[in-house]
Amino acid sequence: MTGAVAPSGRFLADRMASYIDPRRPGPVIELGPGTGPVTEAVLRRGVEQERLVLVEYNPDFCQLLKRRFPRATIVQGDAYEADEVLAAVVTEPCSGVISSLPLFTKPVEQRLALMSAAHDMMHADAPFIQFTYAVVPPIPVKVATGCTATASERIWRNVPPARVWVYRRA
């Protein structure tokens, strides 16, 4: 049920949050927030807690998130069904989607569908942000047609080292 080997470290969480522009209007969606280390980084970045929409599958994590972030919207559900799970919650274009989901456990087609659904909920040039421990992109660049993909340098101070990929619709 949990895809990460450990909660995201502060350096990784801060790097993921750095791609969110707190001045862009609309909610910020986080897929698979777990216990909330990336959520904290998004708040440090200057996004108001009321703008956060956290989609978590694990009911125990949902309860923890509700205690830690009482003004955020917590949605218990399958993030891979984000378009359905968030249909009644997200009523305006989002300023970004941050994902800590274990994408490599899913087929490429399902990863693409997730990213496409995320982009459909966002402003035209808003980022879909995903980290990975792997050396290859979580959504292969060659199949992410219509998108640009950029990668951060490897974040060595995270355990294990990770990289952040950002996908935007071209």
C-alpha atoms as a PDB file:
ATOM      1  CA  MET A   1       0.000   0.000   0.000  1.00  0.00           C
ATOM      2  CA  THR A   2       2.952   2.317   0.557  1.00  0.00           C
ATOM      3  CA  GLY A   3       5.193   2.867  -2.458  1.00  0.00           C
ATOM      4  CA  ALA A   4       8.122   4.674  -0.862  1.00  0.00           C
ATOM      5  CA  VAL A   5      10.857   2.946   1.087  1.00  0.00           C
ATOM      6  CA  ALA A   6      10.837   5.889   3.521  1.00  0.00           C
ATOM      7  CA  PRO A   7       9.034   9.229   3.806  1.00  0.00           C
ATOM      8  CA  SER A   8      10.452  11.869   1.473  1.00  0.00           C
ATOM      9  CA  GLY A   9      13.340  13.715   3.034  1.00  0.00           C
ATOM     10  CA  ARG A  10      13.302  17.488   3.376  1.00  0.00           C
ATOM     11  CA  PHE A  11      15.632  18.065   0.409  1.00  0.00           C
ATOM     12  CA  LEU A  12      13.449  15.983  -1.909  1.00  0.00           C
ATOM     13  CA  ALA A  13      10.225  17.476  -0.552  1.00  0.00           C
ATOM     14  CA  ASP A  14      11.545  21.023  -0.957  1.00  0.00           C
ATOM     15  CA  ARG A  15      12.677  20.299  -4.513  1.00  0.00           C
ATOM     16  CA  MET A  16       9.242  18.920  -5.418  1.00  0.00           C
ATOM     17  CA  ALA A  17       7.507  21.962  -3.897  1.00  0.00           C
ATOM     18  CA  SER A  18       9.861  24.365  -5.692  1.00  0.00           C
ATOM     19  CA  TYR A  19       8.037  23.729  -8.972  1.00  0.00           C
ATOM     20  CA  ILE A  20       4.739  25.055  -7.564  1.00  0.00           C
ATOM     21  CA  ASP A  21       4.119  28.768  -8.090  1.00  0.00           C
ATOM     22  CA  PRO A  22       2.221  29.918  -4.978  1.00  0.00           C
ATOM     23  CA  ARG A  23       1.009  33.019  -6.880  1.00  0.00           C
ATOM     24  CA  ARG A  24      -0.815  30.944  -9.525  1.00  0.00           C
ATOM     25  CA  PRO A  25      -4.498  30.662  -8.604  1.00  0.00           C
ATOM     26  CA  GLY A  26      -6.287  27.415  -7.968  1.00  0.00           C
ATOM     27  CA  PRO A  27      -5.836  24.393  -5.773  1.00  0.00           C
ATOM     28  CA  VAL A  28      -2.681  22.337  -5.497  1.00  0.00           C
ATOM     29  CA  ILE A  29      -3.358  18.613  -5.716  1.00  0.00           C
ATOM     30  CA  GLU A  30      -1.082  16.131  -4.011  1.00  0.00           C
ATOM     31  CA  LEU A  31      -1.411  12.481  -4.969  1.00  0.00           C
ATOM     32  CA  GLY A  32      -0.190  10.007  -2.366  1.00  0.00           C
ATOM     33  CA  PRO A  33       0.830  12.448   0.378  1.00  0.00           C
ATOM     34  CA  GLY A  34       1.437   9.642   2.880  1.00  0.00           C
ATOM     35  CA  THR A  35       2.277  11.271   6.209  1.00  0.00           C
ATOM     36  CA  GLY A  36       2.756  14.725   4.685  1.00  0.00           C
ATOM     37  CA  PRO A  37       6.442  15.618   4.197  1.00  0.00           C
ATOM     38  CA  VAL A  38       5.832  17.068   0.721  1.00  0.00           C
ATOM     39  CA  THR A  39       2.663  18.764   1.977  1.00  0.00           C
ATOM     40  CA  GLU A  40       4.771  20.559   4.589  1.00  0.00           C
ATOM     41  CA  ALA A  41       7.202  21.674   1.883  1.00  0.00           C
ATOM     42  CA  VAL A  42       4.345  23.072  -0.223  1.00  0.00           C
ATOM     43  CA  LEU A  43       3.179  25.054   2.808  1.00  0.00           C
ATOM     44  CA  ARG A  44       6.733  26.350   3.389  1.00  0.00           C
ATOM     45  CA  ARG A  45       6.694  27.413  -0.268  1.00  0.00           C
ATOM     46  CA  GLY A  46       3.831  29.787   0.565  1.00  0.00           C
ATOM     47  CA  VAL A  47       0.716  27.903  -0.557  1.00  0.00           C
ATOM     48  CA  GLU A  48      -2.191  28.369   1.849  1.00  0.00           C
ATOM     49  CA  GLN A  49      -3.398  25.179   3.515  1.00  0.00           C
ATOM     50  CA  GLU A  50      -6.950  25.827   2.296  1.00  0.00           C
ATOM     51  CA  ARG A  51      -5.749  25.424  -1.306  1.00  0.00           C
ATOM     52  CA  LEU A  52      -4.420  21.894  -0.743  1.00  0.00           C
ATOM     53  CA  VAL A  53      -6.312  18.862  -1.999  1.00  0.00           C
ATOM     54  CA  LEU A  54      -4.662  15.682  -0.722  1.00  0.00           C
ATOM     55  CA  VAL A  55      -5.642  12.352  -2.282  1.00  0.00           C
ATOM     56  CA  GLU A  56      -4.590   9.404  -0.122  1.00  0.00           C
ATOM     57  CA  TYR A  57      -5.603   5.744  -0.349  1.00  0.00           C
ATOM     58  CA  ASN A  58      -4.602   4.634   3.152  1.00  0.00           C
ATOM     59  CA  PRO A  59      -7.369   5.466   5.690  1.00  0.00           C
ATOM     60  CA  ASP A  60      -4.904   5.677   8.590  1.00  0.00           C
ATOM     61  CA  PHE A  61      -2.803   8.230   6.684  1.00  0.00           C
ATOM     62  CA  CYS A  62      -6.011  10.162   5.893  1.00  0.00           C
ATOM     63  CA  GLN A  63      -6.769  10.466   9.604  1.00  0.00           C
ATOM     64  CA  LEU A  64      -3.217  11.624  10.289  1.00  0.00           C
ATOM     65  CA  LEU A  65      -3.396  14.159   7.453  1.00  0.00           C
ATOM     66  CA  LYS A  66      -6.695  15.520   8.810  1.00  0.00           C
ATOM     67  CA  ARG A  67      -5.034  16.128  12.175  1.00  0.00           C
ATOM     68  CA  ARG A  68      -1.881  17.637  10.685  1.00  0.00           C
ATOM     69  CA  PHE A  69      -3.559  19.768   8.000  1.00  0.00           C
ATOM     70  CA  PRO A  70      -7.084  20.543   9.269  1.00  0.00           C
ATOM     71  CA  ARG A  71      -7.792  23.263   6.683  1.00  0.00           C
ATOM     72  CA  ALA A  72      -6.745  21.144   3.685  1.00  0.00           C
ATOM     73  CA  THR A  73      -9.216  19.013   1.751  1.00  0.00           C
ATOM     74  CA  ILE A  74      -8.426  15.348   2.373  1.00  0.00           C
ATOM     75  CA  VAL A  75      -9.887  12.848  -0.078  1.00  0.00           C
ATOM     76  CA  GLN A  76      -9.639   9.139   0.641  1.00  0.00           C
ATOM     77  CA  GLY A  77      -9.498   7.375  -2.682  1.00  0.00           C
ATOM     78  CA  ASP A  78      -7.482   5.889  -5.499  1.00  0.00           C
ATOM     79  CA  ALA A  79      -5.286   8.591  -7.029  1.00  0.00           C
ATOM     80  CA  TYR A  80      -5.109   6.568 -10.251  1.00  0.00           C
ATOM     81  CA  GLU A  81      -8.815   7.425 -10.573  1.00  0.00           C
ATOM     82  CA  ALA A  82      -8.161  11.112  -9.814  1.00  0.00           C
ATOM     83  CA  ASP A  83     -10.532  12.435 -12.453  1.00  0.00           C
ATOM     84  CA  GLU A  84     -13.453  10.580 -10.833  1.00  0.00           C
ATOM     85  CA  VAL A  85     -12.321  10.951  -7.218  1.00  0.00           C
ATOM     86  CA  LEU A  86     -11.878  14.723  -7.581  1.00  0.00           C
ATOM     87  CA  ALA A  87     -14.812  15.496  -9.897  1.00  0.00           C
ATOM     88  CA  ALA A  88     -16.897  17.082  -7.132  1.00  0.00           C
ATOM     89  CA  VAL A  89     -13.930  18.583  -5.267  1.00  0.00           C
ATOM     90  CA  VAL A  90     -11.902  20.400  -7.932  1.00  0.00           C
ATOM     91  CA  THR A  91     -14.080  23.089  -9.514  1.00  0.00           C
ATOM     92  CA  GLU A  92     -11.417  25.383 -10.983  1.00  0.00           C
ATOM     93  CA  PRO A  93      -8.118  24.855 -12.810  1.00  0.00           C
ATOM     94  CA  CYS A  94      -5.343  23.676 -10.510  1.00  0.00           C
ATOM     95  CA  SER A  95      -1.996  25.360 -10.178  1.00  0.00           C
ATOM     96  CA  GLY A  96      -0.150  22.046 -10.091  1.00  0.00           C
ATOM     97  CA  VAL A  97      -0.205  18.365  -9.240  1.00  0.00           C
ATOM     98  CA  ILE A  98       2.482  16.768  -7.088  1.00  0.00           C
ATOM     99  CA  SER A  99       2.686  12.989  -7.064  1.00  0.00           C
ATOM    100  CA  SER A 100       4.515  10.648  -4.738  1.00  0.00           C
ATOM    101  CA  LEU A 101       2.787   7.621  -6.201  1.00  0.00           C
ATOM    102  CA  PRO A 102       4.820   4.498  -6.985  1.00  0.00           C
ATOM    103  CA  LEU A 103       4.340   4.854 -10.744  1.00  0.00           C
ATOM    104  CA  PHE A 104       6.689   2.017 -11.681  1.00  0.00           C
ATOM    105  CA  THR A 105       4.225  -0.459 -10.143  1.00  0.00           C
ATOM    106  CA  LYS A 106       1.728   0.424 -12.894  1.00  0.00           C
ATOM    107  CA  PRO A 107       1.817  -0.142 -16.662  1.00  0.00           C
ATOM    108  CA  VAL A 108       2.976   2.781 -18.805  1.00  0.00           C
ATOM    109  CA  GLU A 109      -0.553   3.264 -20.176  1.00  0.00           C
ATOM    110  CA  GLN A 110      -1.917   3.782 -16.663  1.00  0.00           C
ATOM    111  CA  ARG A 111       0.857   6.257 -15.847  1.00  0.00           C
ATOM    112  CA  LEU A 112       0.065   8.209 -19.009  1.00  0.00           C
ATOM    113  CA  ALA A 113      -3.643   8.199 -18.186  1.00  0.00           C
ATOM    114  CA  LEU A 114      -2.905   9.554 -14.706  1.00  0.00           C
ATOM    115  CA  MET A 115      -0.732  12.359 -16.086  1.00  0.00           C
ATOM    116  CA  SER A 116      -3.309  13.193 -18.755  1.00  0.00           C
ATOM    117  CA  ALA A 117      -6.107  13.357 -16.163  1.00  0.00           C
ATOM    118  CA  ALA A 118      -3.915  15.602 -14.015  1.00  0.00           C
ATOM    119  CA  HIS A 119      -3.179  17.939 -16.907  1.00  0.00           C
ATOM    120  CA  ASP A 120      -6.902  18.104 -17.745  1.00  0.00           C
ATOM    121  CA  MET A 121      -7.505  19.531 -14.245  1.00  0.00           C
ATOM    122  CA  MET A 122      -4.743  22.151 -14.420  1.00  0.00           C
ATOM    123  CA  HIS A 123      -3.936  25.499 -15.984  1.00  0.00           C
ATOM    124  CA  ALA A 124      -2.438  24.987 -19.443  1.00  0.00           C
ATOM    125  CA  ASP A 125       1.218  25.255 -18.428  1.00  0.00           C
ATOM    126  CA  ALA A 126       0.960  23.959 -14.856  1.00  0.00           C
ATOM    127  CA  PRO A 127       3.363  21.207 -13.735  1.00  0.00           C
ATOM    128  CA  PHE A 128       2.781  17.533 -13.061  1.00  0.00           C
ATOM    129  CA  ILE A 129       5.571  16.776 -10.572  1.00  0.00           C
ATOM    130  CA  GLN A 130       6.753  13.237  -9.830  1.00  0.00           C
ATOM    131  CA  PHE A 131       9.796  11.918  -8.015  1.00  0.00           C
ATOM    132  CA  THR A 132      11.590   8.673  -8.640  1.00  0.00           C
ATOM    133  CA  TYR A 133      14.473   6.697  -7.208  1.00  0.00           C
ATOM    134  CA  ALA A 134      15.086   5.167 -10.639  1.00  0.00           C
ATOM    135  CA  VAL A 135      17.619   6.403 -13.177  1.00  0.00           C
ATOM    136  CA  VAL A 136      14.960   6.478 -15.911  1.00  0.00           C
ATOM    137  CA  PRO A 137      11.933   8.797 -16.035  1.00  0.00           C
ATOM    138  CA  PRO A 138       8.753   7.521 -14.351  1.00  0.00           C
ATOM    139  CA  ILE A 139       6.811   8.385 -17.510  1.00  0.00           C
ATOM    140  CA  PRO A 140       9.056   7.713 -20.500  1.00  0.00           C
ATOM    141  CA  VAL A 141       9.723  10.898 -22.446  1.00  0.00           C
ATOM    142  CA  LYS A 142       9.197   9.141 -25.781  1.00  0.00           C
ATOM    143  CA  VAL A 143       5.579   8.265 -24.878  1.00  0.00           C
ATOM    144  CA  ALA A 144       4.737  11.524 -23.088  1.00  0.00           C
ATOM    145  CA  THR A 145       3.724  13.075 -26.396  1.00  0.00           C
ATOM    146  CA  GLY A 146       2.507  16.634 -26.246  1.00  0.00           C
ATOM    147  CA  CYS A 147       4.458  17.224 -23.053  1.00  0.00           C
ATOM    148  CA  THR A 148       7.807  18.610 -22.111  1.00  0.00           C
ATOM    149  CA  ALA A 149       9.740  16.697 -19.478  1.00  0.00           C
ATOM    150  CA  THR A 150      12.560  18.050 -17.379  1.00  0.00           C
ATOM    151  CA  ALA A 151      14.507  16.389 -14.600  1.00  0.00           C
ATOM    152  CA  SER A 152      16.224  17.798 -11.554  1.00  0.00           C
ATOM    153  CA  GLU A 153      19.736  16.797 -10.695  1.00  0.00           C
ATOM    154  CA  ARG A 154      19.918  13.726  -8.464  1.00  0.00           C
ATOM    155  CA  ILE A 155      19.131  14.636  -4.861  1.00  0.00           C
ATOM    156  CA  TRP A 156      21.913  12.836  -3.073  1.00  0.00           C
ATOM    157  CA  ARG A 157      20.866  14.056   0.369  1.00  0.00           C
ATOM    158  CA  ASN A 158      17.675  12.008   0.162  1.00  0.00           C
ATOM    159  CA  VAL A 159      17.713   8.381   1.327  1.00  0.00           C
ATOM    160  CA  PRO A 160      17.686   6.758  -1.142  1.00  0.00           C
ATOM    161  CA  PRO A 161      18.839   9.373  -3.672  1.00  0.00           C
ATOM    162  CA  ALA A 162      16.017  10.570  -5.898  1.00  0.00           C
ATOM    163  CA  ARG A 163      15.254  12.797  -8.867  1.00  0.00           C
ATOM    164  CA  VAL A 164      12.234  14.974  -9.616  1.00  0.00           C
ATOM    165  CA  TRP A 165      10.605  14.936 -13.047  1.00  0.00           C
ATOM    166  CA  VAL A 166       8.316  17.750 -14.186  1.00  0.00           C
ATOM    167  CA  TYR A 167       5.910  17.266 -17.096  1.00  0.00           C
ATOM    168  CA  ARG A 168       4.053  20.159 -18.726  1.00  0.00           C
ATOM    169  CA  ARG A 169       1.728  20.170 -21.684  1.00  0.00           C
ATOM    170  CA  ALA A 170       3.482  21.777 -24.609  1.00  0.00           C
END
